[in-house]
Amino acid sequence: MIELKLCFAAETVLRDGETNNVSAINLLEGLAAAGVPFFMQRISFFALWQRAAEDESQLRGRFIVALNETNLLEQEVPMDFGTELRTRSILHVVGLVVPGPGTLRFRIEFPNNLQAQYSVEVQVPTATVAAAR
């Protein structure tokens, strides 16, 4: 059975071509926007998968970015283990408009209820106006 080992969203996820090591820069733990809508220039989503030798080595799924119940982005994604028992999904979103506050979800869905999901809360601080004396 294929299983998810780890997933997260960050400003940038890099894979070193020589060592194959992965680095994440600025993990998303929550977002505080000055106002809405706001523009996110770059976001990366990372998922690490593991399979048993008898599991399929290739799957096709959907990558979805949603705010609350509204999909902001949806696209087809492949997963290919090749001959390995572990693989990574690294997806880069370039340019995302977030229309308001709520729960921003990054999700990959594959057949048989296999999925990776990472959520962050988007908050818009309320402005306070001090009375002049």
N, C-alpha and C. Protein backbone atom coordinates (compact mmCIF):
# COMPACT_ATOMS: atom_id res chain seq x y z
N MET A 1 0.85 -1.18 0.00
CA MET A 1 0.00 0.00 0.00
C MET A 1 0.89 1.24 0.00
N ILE A 2 0.60 2.17 -0.89
CA ILE A 2 1.35 3.43 -0.95
C ILE A 2 0.91 4.29 0.22
N GLU A 3 1.90 4.92 0.87
CA GLU A 3 1.57 5.79 2.00
C GLU A 3 2.35 7.09 1.93
N LEU A 4 1.74 8.12 2.49
CA LEU A 4 2.37 9.42 2.61
C LEU A 4 3.26 9.42 3.83
N LYS A 5 4.51 9.86 3.67
CA LYS A 5 5.45 9.94 4.79
C LYS A 5 5.56 11.36 5.33
N LEU A 6 5.43 12.39 4.46
CA LEU A 6 5.63 13.77 4.87
C LEU A 6 5.06 14.68 3.80
N CYS A 7 4.46 15.80 4.21
CA CYS A 7 4.09 16.83 3.24
C CYS A 7 4.09 18.19 3.92
N PHE A 8 4.34 19.23 3.12
CA PHE A 8 4.33 20.60 3.62
C PHE A 8 4.28 21.56 2.44
N ALA A 9 4.00 22.82 2.74
CA ALA A 9 4.07 23.89 1.76
C ALA A 9 5.10 24.90 2.26
N ALA A 10 5.83 25.48 1.32
CA ALA A 10 6.87 26.44 1.65
C ALA A 10 6.95 27.47 0.53
N GLU A 11 7.67 28.54 0.81
CA GLU A 11 7.88 29.54 -0.24
C GLU A 11 8.63 28.91 -1.41
N THR A 12 9.64 28.10 -1.10
CA THR A 12 10.43 27.44 -2.13
C THR A 12 10.88 26.06 -1.65
N VAL A 13 10.82 25.08 -2.53
CA VAL A 13 11.40 23.76 -2.28
C VAL A 13 12.41 23.52 -3.40
N LEU A 14 13.64 23.19 -3.00
CA LEU A 14 14.72 22.98 -3.95
C LEU A 14 15.24 21.55 -3.86
N ARG A 15 15.56 20.96 -5.02
CA ARG A 15 16.20 19.66 -5.06
C ARG A 15 17.57 19.84 -5.69
N ASP A 16 18.62 19.46 -4.95
CA ASP A 16 19.98 19.57 -5.44
C ASP A 16 20.23 18.51 -6.50
N GLY A 17 20.66 18.91 -7.68
CA GLY A 17 20.89 18.00 -8.79
C GLY A 17 22.01 17.01 -8.55
N GLU A 18 23.01 17.39 -7.77
CA GLU A 18 24.15 16.50 -7.52
C GLU A 18 23.88 15.49 -6.41
N THR A 19 23.30 15.95 -5.31
CA THR A 19 23.10 15.07 -4.16
C THR A 19 21.69 14.50 -4.06
N ASN A 20 20.73 15.09 -4.79
CA ASN A 20 19.32 14.72 -4.74
C ASN A 20 18.67 15.09 -3.40
N ASN A 21 19.36 15.87 -2.57
CA ASN A 21 18.79 16.33 -1.31
C ASN A 21 17.78 17.44 -1.56
N VAL A 22 16.79 17.53 -0.66
CA VAL A 22 15.74 18.53 -0.77
C VAL A 22 15.89 19.54 0.35
N SER A 23 15.71 20.82 0.01
CA SER A 23 15.71 21.90 1.00
C SER A 23 14.43 22.70 0.87
N ALA A 24 13.91 23.16 1.99
CA ALA A 24 12.72 24.01 1.99
C ALA A 24 13.08 25.35 2.60
N ILE A 25 12.58 26.41 2.00
CA ILE A 25 12.82 27.76 2.48
C ILE A 25 11.47 28.38 2.85
N ASN A 26 11.40 28.90 4.07
CA ASN A 26 10.21 29.58 4.59
C ASN A 26 8.96 28.69 4.56
N LEU A 27 8.94 27.69 5.43
CA LEU A 27 7.75 26.85 5.57
C LEU A 27 6.54 27.71 5.88
N LEU A 28 5.40 27.38 5.27
CA LEU A 28 4.18 28.14 5.53
C LEU A 28 3.50 27.56 6.76
N GLU A 29 3.43 28.35 7.81
CA GLU A 29 2.74 27.93 9.02
C GLU A 29 1.44 28.70 9.19
N GLY A 30 1.32 29.80 8.53
CA GLY A 30 0.15 30.67 8.56
C GLY A 30 0.47 31.90 7.74
N LEU A 31 -0.56 32.57 7.28
CA LEU A 31 -0.36 33.76 6.45
C LEU A 31 -1.14 34.93 7.04
N ALA A 32 -0.48 36.05 7.21
CA ALA A 32 -1.14 37.27 7.67
C ALA A 32 -1.02 38.29 6.54
N ALA A 33 -2.13 38.57 5.89
CA ALA A 33 -2.14 39.48 4.76
C ALA A 33 -2.54 40.87 5.22
N ALA A 34 -1.94 41.88 4.61
CA ALA A 34 -2.29 43.27 4.94
C ALA A 34 -3.69 43.60 4.45
N GLY A 35 -4.12 42.93 3.40
CA GLY A 35 -5.45 43.14 2.84
C GLY A 35 -5.74 42.04 1.84
N VAL A 36 -6.97 42.00 1.39
CA VAL A 36 -7.36 40.99 0.41
C VAL A 36 -8.06 41.67 -0.75
N PRO A 37 -7.98 41.10 -1.94
CA PRO A 37 -7.17 39.93 -2.25
C PRO A 37 -5.68 40.26 -2.19
N PHE A 38 -4.85 39.20 -2.10
CA PHE A 38 -3.41 39.41 -2.15
C PHE A 38 -2.78 38.36 -3.05
N PHE A 39 -1.57 38.67 -3.51
CA PHE A 39 -0.87 37.87 -4.50
C PHE A 39 0.31 37.15 -3.87
N MET A 40 0.38 35.85 -4.06
CA MET A 40 1.53 35.06 -3.61
C MET A 40 2.34 34.74 -4.86
N GLN A 41 3.57 35.25 -4.91
CA GLN A 41 4.39 35.10 -6.10
C GLN A 41 4.82 33.67 -6.35
N ARG A 42 5.18 32.95 -5.28
CA ARG A 42 5.66 31.58 -5.46
C ARG A 42 5.36 30.77 -4.20
N ILE A 43 4.85 29.56 -4.42
CA ILE A 43 4.60 28.61 -3.34
C ILE A 43 4.98 27.23 -3.87
N SER A 44 5.57 26.42 -3.01
CA SER A 44 5.91 25.05 -3.40
C SER A 44 5.26 24.08 -2.43
N PHE A 45 4.83 22.95 -2.97
CA PHE A 45 4.21 21.89 -2.17
C PHE A 45 5.07 20.64 -2.33
N PHE A 46 5.37 19.99 -1.21
CA PHE A 46 6.23 18.81 -1.20
C PHE A 46 5.50 17.65 -0.54
N ALA A 47 5.61 16.47 -1.14
CA ALA A 47 5.08 15.25 -0.52
C ALA A 47 6.08 14.12 -0.77
N LEU A 48 6.34 13.34 0.27
CA LEU A 48 7.21 12.17 0.19
C LEU A 48 6.33 10.93 0.32
N TRP A 49 6.45 10.02 -0.65
CA TRP A 49 5.62 8.82 -0.71
C TRP A 49 6.49 7.58 -0.60
N GLN A 50 5.89 6.52 -0.05
CA GLN A 50 6.57 5.23 0.02
C GLN A 50 5.59 4.15 -0.42
N ARG A 51 6.11 3.15 -1.13
CA ARG A 51 5.26 2.05 -1.59
C ARG A 51 5.90 0.72 -1.26
N ALA A 52 5.10 -0.33 -1.29
CA ALA A 52 5.60 -1.70 -1.19
C ALA A 52 5.96 -2.16 -2.61
N ALA A 53 6.81 -3.13 -2.71
CA ALA A 53 7.28 -3.61 -4.02
C ALA A 53 6.13 -4.04 -4.93
N GLU A 54 5.05 -4.54 -4.36
CA GLU A 54 3.93 -5.02 -5.18
C GLU A 54 2.97 -3.91 -5.61
N ASP A 55 3.15 -2.70 -5.09
CA ASP A 55 2.28 -1.57 -5.47
C ASP A 55 2.62 -1.06 -6.87
N GLU A 56 1.64 -0.41 -7.48
CA GLU A 56 1.87 0.22 -8.77
C GLU A 56 3.01 1.23 -8.67
N SER A 57 3.74 1.39 -9.75
CA SER A 57 4.84 2.35 -9.73
C SER A 57 4.45 3.68 -10.35
N GLN A 58 3.30 3.74 -11.04
CA GLN A 58 2.85 4.99 -11.65
C GLN A 58 1.38 5.23 -11.34
N LEU A 59 1.07 6.48 -11.00
CA LEU A 59 -0.30 6.90 -10.74
C LEU A 59 -0.51 8.28 -11.34
N ARG A 60 -1.75 8.61 -11.63
CA ARG A 60 -2.11 9.96 -12.05
C ARG A 60 -3.12 10.49 -11.05
N GLY A 61 -2.93 11.75 -10.67
CA GLY A 61 -3.82 12.35 -9.69
C GLY A 61 -4.10 13.81 -10.00
N ARG A 62 -4.65 14.50 -9.02
CA ARG A 62 -5.00 15.92 -9.16
C ARG A 62 -4.32 16.70 -8.05
N PHE A 63 -3.74 17.84 -8.40
CA PHE A 63 -3.21 18.79 -7.43
C PHE A 63 -4.21 19.93 -7.35
N ILE A 64 -4.63 20.24 -6.13
CA ILE A 64 -5.66 21.25 -5.92
C ILE A 64 -5.20 22.21 -4.84
N VAL A 65 -5.36 23.50 -5.11
CA VAL A 65 -5.17 24.53 -4.10
C VAL A 65 -6.54 25.17 -3.91
N ALA A 66 -7.03 25.16 -2.68
CA ALA A 66 -8.36 25.68 -2.40
C ALA A 66 -8.34 26.62 -1.20
N LEU A 67 -9.18 27.62 -1.25
CA LEU A 67 -9.41 28.50 -0.11
C LEU A 67 -10.82 28.19 0.37
N ASN A 68 -10.91 27.72 1.61
CA ASN A 68 -12.17 27.24 2.16
C ASN A 68 -12.70 26.16 1.21
N GLU A 69 -13.85 26.36 0.59
CA GLU A 69 -14.42 25.34 -0.29
C GLU A 69 -14.28 25.70 -1.77
N THR A 70 -13.51 26.74 -2.09
CA THR A 70 -13.37 27.20 -3.47
C THR A 70 -11.99 26.83 -4.03
N ASN A 71 -11.97 26.07 -5.12
CA ASN A 71 -10.71 25.71 -5.76
C ASN A 71 -10.14 26.93 -6.48
N LEU A 72 -8.89 27.24 -6.16
CA LEU A 72 -8.19 28.34 -6.82
C LEU A 72 -7.33 27.84 -7.97
N LEU A 73 -6.92 26.58 -7.88
CA LEU A 73 -6.06 25.97 -8.89
C LEU A 73 -6.30 24.48 -8.87
N GLU A 74 -6.32 23.87 -10.05
CA GLU A 74 -6.45 22.42 -10.15
C GLU A 74 -5.74 21.96 -11.41
N GLN A 75 -4.90 20.94 -11.26
CA GLN A 75 -4.20 20.40 -12.43
C GLN A 75 -3.86 18.93 -12.21
N GLU A 76 -3.69 18.22 -13.31
CA GLU A 76 -3.32 16.81 -13.25
C GLU A 76 -1.85 16.68 -12.91
N VAL A 77 -1.51 15.67 -12.08
CA VAL A 77 -0.11 15.42 -11.71
C VAL A 77 0.19 13.93 -11.79
N PRO A 78 1.38 13.59 -12.27
CA PRO A 78 1.80 12.19 -12.27
C PRO A 78 2.61 11.86 -11.02
N MET A 79 2.63 10.60 -10.65
CA MET A 79 3.54 10.10 -9.63
C MET A 79 4.20 8.87 -10.24
N ASP A 80 5.54 8.87 -10.26
CA ASP A 80 6.27 7.78 -10.89
C ASP A 80 7.42 7.36 -9.98
N PHE A 81 7.29 6.18 -9.39
CA PHE A 81 8.33 5.64 -8.53
C PHE A 81 9.49 5.06 -9.33
N GLY A 82 9.24 4.74 -10.60
CA GLY A 82 10.25 4.01 -11.38
C GLY A 82 10.48 2.66 -10.72
N THR A 83 11.73 2.33 -10.41
CA THR A 83 12.04 1.07 -9.72
C THR A 83 12.24 1.28 -8.22
N GLU A 84 12.10 2.52 -7.76
CA GLU A 84 12.34 2.86 -6.35
C GLU A 84 11.10 2.60 -5.50
N LEU A 85 11.28 2.52 -4.20
CA LEU A 85 10.17 2.35 -3.26
C LEU A 85 9.73 3.68 -2.65
N ARG A 86 10.51 4.74 -2.89
CA ARG A 86 10.15 6.09 -2.43
C ARG A 86 10.21 7.05 -3.61
N THR A 87 9.34 8.05 -3.57
CA THR A 87 9.38 9.13 -4.56
C THR A 87 8.87 10.40 -3.92
N ARG A 88 9.11 11.50 -4.59
CA ARG A 88 8.70 12.82 -4.11
C ARG A 88 7.79 13.48 -5.13
N SER A 89 6.84 14.23 -4.63
CA SER A 89 6.07 15.13 -5.47
C SER A 89 6.49 16.53 -5.05
N ILE A 90 7.03 17.30 -5.99
CA ILE A 90 7.39 18.69 -5.73
C ILE A 90 6.67 19.52 -6.77
N LEU A 91 5.72 20.34 -6.31
CA LEU A 91 4.90 21.14 -7.20
C LEU A 91 5.12 22.62 -6.89
N HIS A 92 5.32 23.39 -7.93
CA HIS A 92 5.57 24.82 -7.78
C HIS A 92 4.38 25.59 -8.35
N VAL A 93 3.84 26.49 -7.56
CA VAL A 93 2.76 27.37 -7.99
C VAL A 93 3.39 28.75 -8.18
N VAL A 94 3.31 29.27 -9.38
CA VAL A 94 3.86 30.59 -9.67
C VAL A 94 2.69 31.53 -9.92
N GLY A 95 2.46 32.41 -8.94
CA GLY A 95 1.40 33.39 -9.07
C GLY A 95 0.05 32.86 -8.64
N LEU A 96 -0.34 33.15 -7.42
CA LEU A 96 -1.64 32.72 -6.90
C LEU A 96 -2.30 33.91 -6.22
N VAL A 97 -3.51 34.23 -6.64
CA VAL A 97 -4.29 35.28 -6.01
C VAL A 97 -5.16 34.63 -4.94
N VAL A 98 -5.00 35.08 -3.70
CA VAL A 98 -5.81 34.58 -2.58
C VAL A 98 -6.87 35.64 -2.31
N PRO A 99 -8.15 35.33 -2.55
CA PRO A 99 -9.19 36.35 -2.51
C PRO A 99 -9.68 36.77 -1.12
N GLY A 100 -9.34 36.01 -0.08
CA GLY A 100 -9.84 36.39 1.24
C GLY A 100 -9.25 35.53 2.34
N PRO A 101 -9.70 35.75 3.56
CA PRO A 101 -9.21 34.95 4.69
C PRO A 101 -9.86 33.57 4.70
N GLY A 102 -9.27 32.66 5.48
CA GLY A 102 -9.83 31.32 5.62
C GLY A 102 -8.74 30.28 5.66
N THR A 103 -9.09 29.06 5.30
CA THR A 103 -8.15 27.95 5.30
C THR A 103 -7.69 27.69 3.86
N LEU A 104 -6.38 27.84 3.65
CA LEU A 104 -5.79 27.59 2.35
C LEU A 104 -5.25 26.16 2.37
N ARG A 105 -5.76 25.31 1.46
CA ARG A 105 -5.39 23.89 1.44
C ARG A 105 -4.65 23.54 0.16
N PHE A 106 -3.54 22.84 0.34
CA PHE A 106 -2.78 22.29 -0.77
C PHE A 106 -2.98 20.78 -0.70
N ARG A 107 -3.44 20.17 -1.81
CA ARG A 107 -3.81 18.75 -1.74
C ARG A 107 -3.48 18.06 -3.06
N ILE A 108 -2.95 16.84 -2.93
CA ILE A 108 -2.81 15.94 -4.07
C ILE A 108 -3.71 14.75 -3.79
N GLU A 109 -4.56 14.42 -4.76
CA GLU A 109 -5.47 13.28 -4.63
C GLU A 109 -5.15 12.26 -5.72
N PHE A 110 -5.00 11.00 -5.30
CA PHE A 110 -4.79 9.90 -6.21
C PHE A 110 -5.92 8.90 -6.01
N PRO A 111 -6.08 7.92 -6.91
CA PRO A 111 -7.12 6.89 -6.72
C PRO A 111 -6.96 6.16 -5.38
N ASN A 112 -8.02 5.51 -4.96
CA ASN A 112 -8.06 4.71 -3.72
C ASN A 112 -7.85 5.54 -2.47
N ASN A 113 -8.34 6.78 -2.48
CA ASN A 113 -8.29 7.67 -1.31
C ASN A 113 -6.87 8.00 -0.85
N LEU A 114 -5.91 7.90 -1.72
CA LEU A 114 -4.54 8.27 -1.41
C LEU A 114 -4.41 9.77 -1.61
N GLN A 115 -4.00 10.48 -0.55
CA GLN A 115 -3.86 11.92 -0.69
C GLN A 115 -2.84 12.48 0.28
N ALA A 116 -2.35 13.66 -0.08
CA ALA A 116 -1.49 14.46 0.79
C ALA A 116 -2.16 15.81 0.90
N GLN A 117 -2.28 16.32 2.12
CA GLN A 117 -2.92 17.62 2.30
C GLN A 117 -2.19 18.42 3.37
N TYR A 118 -2.02 19.71 3.09
CA TYR A 118 -1.39 20.62 4.04
C TYR A 118 -2.23 21.89 4.04
N SER A 119 -2.56 22.39 5.22
CA SER A 119 -3.42 23.56 5.36
C SER A 119 -2.74 24.66 6.16
N VAL A 120 -3.01 25.90 5.76
CA VAL A 120 -2.56 27.06 6.52
C VAL A 120 -3.73 28.03 6.64
N GLU A 121 -3.75 28.74 7.75
CA GLU A 121 -4.80 29.74 7.96
C GLU A 121 -4.35 31.09 7.39
N VAL A 122 -5.24 31.70 6.64
CA VAL A 122 -4.99 33.04 6.09
C VAL A 122 -5.78 34.01 6.94
N GLN A 123 -5.08 34.94 7.55
CA GLN A 123 -5.72 35.93 8.41
C GLN A 123 -5.49 37.32 7.85
N VAL A 124 -6.49 38.17 8.02
CA VAL A 124 -6.38 39.57 7.65
C VAL A 124 -6.62 40.35 8.92
N PRO A 125 -5.55 40.96 9.48
CA PRO A 125 -5.72 41.72 10.71
C PRO A 125 -6.70 42.87 10.51
N THR A 126 -7.51 43.10 11.52
CA THR A 126 -8.44 44.23 11.44
C THR A 126 -7.68 45.49 11.85
N ALA A 127 -7.96 46.56 11.15
CA ALA A 127 -7.29 47.83 11.43
C ALA A 127 -7.97 48.49 12.62
N THR A 128 -7.18 49.10 13.45
CA THR A 128 -7.72 49.87 14.57
C THR A 128 -7.35 51.32 14.35
N VAL A 129 -8.29 52.17 14.62
CA VAL A 129 -8.08 53.60 14.43
C VAL A 129 -8.09 54.25 15.81
N ALA A 130 -7.01 54.93 16.12
CA ALA A 130 -6.93 55.62 17.41
C ALA A 130 -7.58 56.99 17.25
N ALA A 131 -8.37 57.37 18.24
CA ALA A 131 -9.02 58.68 18.21
C ALA A 131 -7.99 59.76 18.49
N ALA A 132 -8.07 60.83 17.71
CA ALA A 132 -7.15 61.96 17.90
C ALA A 132 -7.64 62.81 19.06
N ARG A 133 -6.75 63.35 19.84
CA ARG A 133 -7.15 64.21 20.97
C ARG A 133 -6.71 65.60 20.74
